[in-house]
Structures are given as structure tokens and as C-alpha cells.
Amino acid sequence: MCSRTGAFDQLSIPGLTGEMVDTGDAPGLAQAVLRLLSDREQALRMGQAARQRVLDQFSCQEAEGIGRVYAQLFAKL
């Protein structure tokens, strides 16, 4: 999940590596979260694609830091 701000729109590929919503669009964010919560396989595919994109685009240190953030977020699901 990310909003269309800063570098997020360059990092995320909607439908492939995650979902993107407009900044301040709480209903849109809620819908995107519910879509992924209702389709665990899709969420896992997006997570794996996002991880690979980060590994391909960033240094190991940057990728590890981003990976830890996502791991913490997914652990809360």
C-alpha cells in the first residue's frame, strides 16, 4: 500500500507490486486493504514482486531496510 506522493509512485507498480491510492483517500485505502486481505495469494504475489523490485533497484542495505519494514507490517496482519 502506498499513496501517490514522493517517490512511492516510482517504486510501486499498481496491481503488480502493491496498491496505490490518492493521498487523503481514506475510502480508497480501505477498499485496497480489504481487497488484499480477502485475497492472500494476490497479497503474497505482490509482496514477492515488490521484494524483487527493491532488490533489483536498490543496494543491499537499502533493500534490507525496506524488507524489514514490510516484514514488520505483514507480521501484524
N, C-alpha and C. Protein backbone atom coordinates (compact mmCIF):
# COMPACT_ATOMS: atom_id res chain seq x y z
N MET A 1 0.83 -1.17 0.00
CA MET A 1 0.00 0.00 0.00
C MET A 1 0.88 1.23 0.00
N CYS A 2 0.54 2.14 -0.83
CA CYS A 2 1.22 3.43 -0.78
C CYS A 2 0.32 4.49 -1.40
N SER A 3 0.67 5.72 -1.12
CA SER A 3 -0.09 6.82 -1.70
C SER A 3 0.74 7.45 -2.82
N ARG A 4 0.08 8.17 -3.64
CA ARG A 4 0.74 8.82 -4.78
C ARG A 4 1.47 10.08 -4.32
N THR A 5 2.49 9.91 -3.53
CA THR A 5 3.29 11.02 -3.05
C THR A 5 4.76 10.65 -3.12
N GLY A 6 5.59 11.66 -3.23
CA GLY A 6 7.03 11.43 -3.22
C GLY A 6 7.46 10.39 -4.22
N ALA A 7 8.37 9.55 -3.78
CA ALA A 7 8.95 8.54 -4.67
C ALA A 7 8.11 7.27 -4.73
N PHE A 8 7.06 7.18 -3.93
CA PHE A 8 6.26 5.96 -3.92
C PHE A 8 5.70 5.63 -5.29
N ASP A 9 5.29 6.65 -6.03
CA ASP A 9 4.71 6.37 -7.35
C ASP A 9 5.74 5.84 -8.32
N GLN A 10 7.02 6.04 -8.04
CA GLN A 10 8.07 5.49 -8.88
C GLN A 10 8.45 4.07 -8.45
N LEU A 11 8.20 3.74 -7.20
CA LEU A 11 8.57 2.43 -6.67
C LEU A 11 7.51 1.37 -6.87
N SER A 12 6.28 1.78 -6.73
CA SER A 12 5.19 0.80 -6.78
C SER A 12 4.59 0.72 -8.17
N ILE A 13 4.27 -0.49 -8.57
CA ILE A 13 3.57 -0.73 -9.82
C ILE A 13 2.19 -1.27 -9.43
N PRO A 14 1.15 -0.43 -9.54
CA PRO A 14 -0.17 -0.85 -9.11
C PRO A 14 -0.60 -2.17 -9.75
N GLY A 15 -1.11 -3.07 -8.90
CA GLY A 15 -1.56 -4.36 -9.38
C GLY A 15 -0.46 -5.40 -9.48
N LEU A 16 0.79 -4.98 -9.48
CA LEU A 16 1.91 -5.92 -9.58
C LEU A 16 2.70 -5.98 -8.28
N THR A 17 3.12 -4.81 -7.78
CA THR A 17 3.93 -4.78 -6.56
C THR A 17 3.17 -4.18 -5.39
N GLY A 18 1.93 -3.84 -5.58
CA GLY A 18 1.14 -3.28 -4.50
C GLY A 18 -0.06 -2.53 -5.01
N GLU A 19 -0.68 -1.82 -4.12
CA GLU A 19 -1.83 -0.98 -4.44
C GLU A 19 -1.45 0.47 -4.16
N MET A 20 -1.93 1.36 -4.98
CA MET A 20 -1.65 2.78 -4.82
C MET A 20 -2.97 3.54 -4.72
N VAL A 21 -3.04 4.44 -3.76
CA VAL A 21 -4.24 5.26 -3.58
C VAL A 21 -3.85 6.73 -3.55
N ASP A 22 -4.80 7.57 -3.84
CA ASP A 22 -4.56 9.00 -3.78
C ASP A 22 -4.37 9.43 -2.33
N THR A 23 -3.51 10.39 -2.11
CA THR A 23 -3.29 10.92 -0.77
C THR A 23 -4.60 11.47 -0.22
N GLY A 24 -4.92 11.07 1.00
CA GLY A 24 -6.13 11.53 1.66
C GLY A 24 -7.38 10.74 1.30
N ASP A 25 -7.26 9.72 0.46
CA ASP A 25 -8.42 8.94 0.04
C ASP A 25 -8.61 7.76 0.99
N ALA A 26 -9.18 8.05 2.15
CA ALA A 26 -9.38 7.00 3.16
C ALA A 26 -10.28 5.88 2.65
N PRO A 27 -11.40 6.18 1.96
CA PRO A 27 -12.22 5.07 1.44
C PRO A 27 -11.46 4.22 0.42
N GLY A 28 -10.67 4.86 -0.43
CA GLY A 28 -9.88 4.12 -1.41
C GLY A 28 -8.85 3.24 -0.74
N LEU A 29 -8.22 3.75 0.31
CA LEU A 29 -7.24 2.96 1.06
C LEU A 29 -7.93 1.77 1.71
N ALA A 30 -9.08 2.01 2.31
CA ALA A 30 -9.82 0.92 2.96
C ALA A 30 -10.19 -0.16 1.94
N GLN A 31 -10.65 0.24 0.77
CA GLN A 31 -11.00 -0.73 -0.26
C GLN A 31 -9.79 -1.54 -0.70
N ALA A 32 -8.65 -0.86 -0.88
CA ALA A 32 -7.43 -1.55 -1.30
C ALA A 32 -6.98 -2.55 -0.24
N VAL A 33 -7.03 -2.15 1.02
CA VAL A 33 -6.65 -3.05 2.11
C VAL A 33 -7.58 -4.26 2.14
N LEU A 34 -8.87 -4.02 2.02
CA LEU A 34 -9.83 -5.13 2.04
C LEU A 34 -9.62 -6.08 0.87
N ARG A 35 -9.28 -5.53 -0.30
CA ARG A 35 -9.02 -6.40 -1.46
C ARG A 35 -7.86 -7.35 -1.16
N LEU A 36 -6.79 -6.82 -0.60
CA LEU A 36 -5.64 -7.67 -0.32
C LEU A 36 -5.89 -8.62 0.84
N LEU A 37 -6.64 -8.18 1.83
CA LEU A 37 -6.96 -9.07 2.95
C LEU A 37 -7.86 -10.22 2.50
N SER A 38 -8.66 -9.98 1.49
CA SER A 38 -9.56 -11.03 1.02
C SER A 38 -8.90 -11.97 0.01
N ASP A 39 -7.71 -11.62 -0.46
CA ASP A 39 -7.00 -12.46 -1.44
C ASP A 39 -5.54 -12.60 -1.02
N ARG A 40 -5.32 -13.53 -0.09
CA ARG A 40 -3.97 -13.71 0.47
C ARG A 40 -2.95 -14.07 -0.61
N GLU A 41 -3.35 -14.90 -1.56
CA GLU A 41 -2.40 -15.29 -2.62
C GLU A 41 -1.96 -14.08 -3.44
N GLN A 42 -2.89 -13.20 -3.76
CA GLN A 42 -2.55 -11.98 -4.50
C GLN A 42 -1.63 -11.10 -3.66
N ALA A 43 -1.93 -10.99 -2.38
CA ALA A 43 -1.09 -10.18 -1.49
C ALA A 43 0.32 -10.75 -1.44
N LEU A 44 0.44 -12.06 -1.36
CA LEU A 44 1.76 -12.69 -1.33
C LEU A 44 2.50 -12.49 -2.65
N ARG A 45 1.79 -12.62 -3.78
CA ARG A 45 2.43 -12.39 -5.08
C ARG A 45 2.93 -10.95 -5.18
N MET A 46 2.11 -10.01 -4.75
CA MET A 46 2.52 -8.60 -4.80
C MET A 46 3.72 -8.36 -3.89
N GLY A 47 3.69 -8.96 -2.71
CA GLY A 47 4.82 -8.81 -1.79
C GLY A 47 6.11 -9.36 -2.36
N GLN A 48 6.02 -10.52 -3.00
CA GLN A 48 7.21 -11.12 -3.60
C GLN A 48 7.72 -10.27 -4.77
N ALA A 49 6.78 -9.75 -5.58
CA ALA A 49 7.18 -8.90 -6.71
C ALA A 49 7.79 -7.60 -6.21
N ALA A 50 7.23 -7.05 -5.14
CA ALA A 50 7.78 -5.81 -4.58
C ALA A 50 9.18 -6.05 -4.02
N ARG A 51 9.36 -7.18 -3.34
CA ARG A 51 10.68 -7.51 -2.81
C ARG A 51 11.70 -7.62 -3.94
N GLN A 52 11.32 -8.32 -5.00
CA GLN A 52 12.25 -8.48 -6.12
C GLN A 52 12.58 -7.14 -6.77
N ARG A 53 11.56 -6.28 -6.89
CA ARG A 53 11.79 -4.96 -7.49
C ARG A 53 12.77 -4.16 -6.64
N VAL A 54 12.61 -4.22 -5.33
CA VAL A 54 13.52 -3.50 -4.44
C VAL A 54 14.93 -4.06 -4.58
N LEU A 55 15.05 -5.38 -4.60
CA LEU A 55 16.38 -6.00 -4.74
C LEU A 55 17.03 -5.60 -6.06
N ASP A 56 16.23 -5.51 -7.11
CA ASP A 56 16.75 -5.15 -8.42
C ASP A 56 17.12 -3.67 -8.53
N GLN A 57 16.42 -2.82 -7.79
CA GLN A 57 16.56 -1.38 -7.95
C GLN A 57 17.45 -0.70 -6.91
N PHE A 58 17.71 -1.36 -5.79
CA PHE A 58 18.40 -0.69 -4.69
C PHE A 58 19.57 -1.52 -4.19
N SER A 59 20.42 -0.88 -3.41
CA SER A 59 21.56 -1.58 -2.83
C SER A 59 21.05 -2.57 -1.78
N CYS A 60 21.90 -3.49 -1.39
CA CYS A 60 21.53 -4.49 -0.39
C CYS A 60 21.11 -3.85 0.92
N GLN A 61 21.82 -2.84 1.37
CA GLN A 61 21.48 -2.19 2.63
C GLN A 61 20.11 -1.53 2.54
N GLU A 62 19.84 -0.85 1.44
CA GLU A 62 18.53 -0.22 1.27
C GLU A 62 17.44 -1.28 1.21
N ALA A 63 17.69 -2.35 0.47
CA ALA A 63 16.69 -3.42 0.32
C ALA A 63 16.42 -4.11 1.66
N GLU A 64 17.46 -4.36 2.44
CA GLU A 64 17.27 -5.00 3.73
C GLU A 64 16.44 -4.13 4.66
N GLY A 65 16.68 -2.83 4.65
CA GLY A 65 15.90 -1.92 5.48
C GLY A 65 14.44 -1.90 5.08
N ILE A 66 14.19 -1.82 3.79
CA ILE A 66 12.81 -1.82 3.29
C ILE A 66 12.16 -3.18 3.58
N GLY A 67 12.92 -4.25 3.41
CA GLY A 67 12.40 -5.59 3.69
C GLY A 67 11.99 -5.75 5.15
N ARG A 68 12.78 -5.19 6.06
CA ARG A 68 12.43 -5.26 7.48
C ARG A 68 11.12 -4.52 7.76
N VAL A 69 10.95 -3.37 7.13
CA VAL A 69 9.71 -2.61 7.31
C VAL A 69 8.52 -3.43 6.86
N TYR A 70 8.60 -4.02 5.67
CA TYR A 70 7.49 -4.83 5.18
C TYR A 70 7.26 -6.06 6.05
N ALA A 71 8.32 -6.71 6.52
CA ALA A 71 8.17 -7.87 7.38
C ALA A 71 7.43 -7.51 8.67
N GLN A 72 7.75 -6.34 9.22
CA GLN A 72 7.06 -5.90 10.43
C GLN A 72 5.60 -5.62 10.14
N LEU A 73 5.31 -5.03 8.98
CA LEU A 73 3.92 -4.74 8.63
C LEU A 73 3.13 -6.02 8.40
N PHE A 74 3.70 -6.99 7.66
CA PHE A 74 2.99 -8.23 7.40
C PHE A 74 2.82 -9.07 8.64
N ALA A 75 3.75 -8.96 9.60
CA ALA A 75 3.62 -9.70 10.85
C ALA A 75 2.41 -9.25 11.65
N LYS A 76 1.96 -8.03 11.42
CA LYS A 76 0.80 -7.51 12.14
C LYS A 76 -0.52 -7.95 11.52
N LEU A 77 -0.48 -8.54 10.32
CA LEU A 77 -1.73 -8.95 9.67
C LEU A 77 -2.32 -10.20 10.29
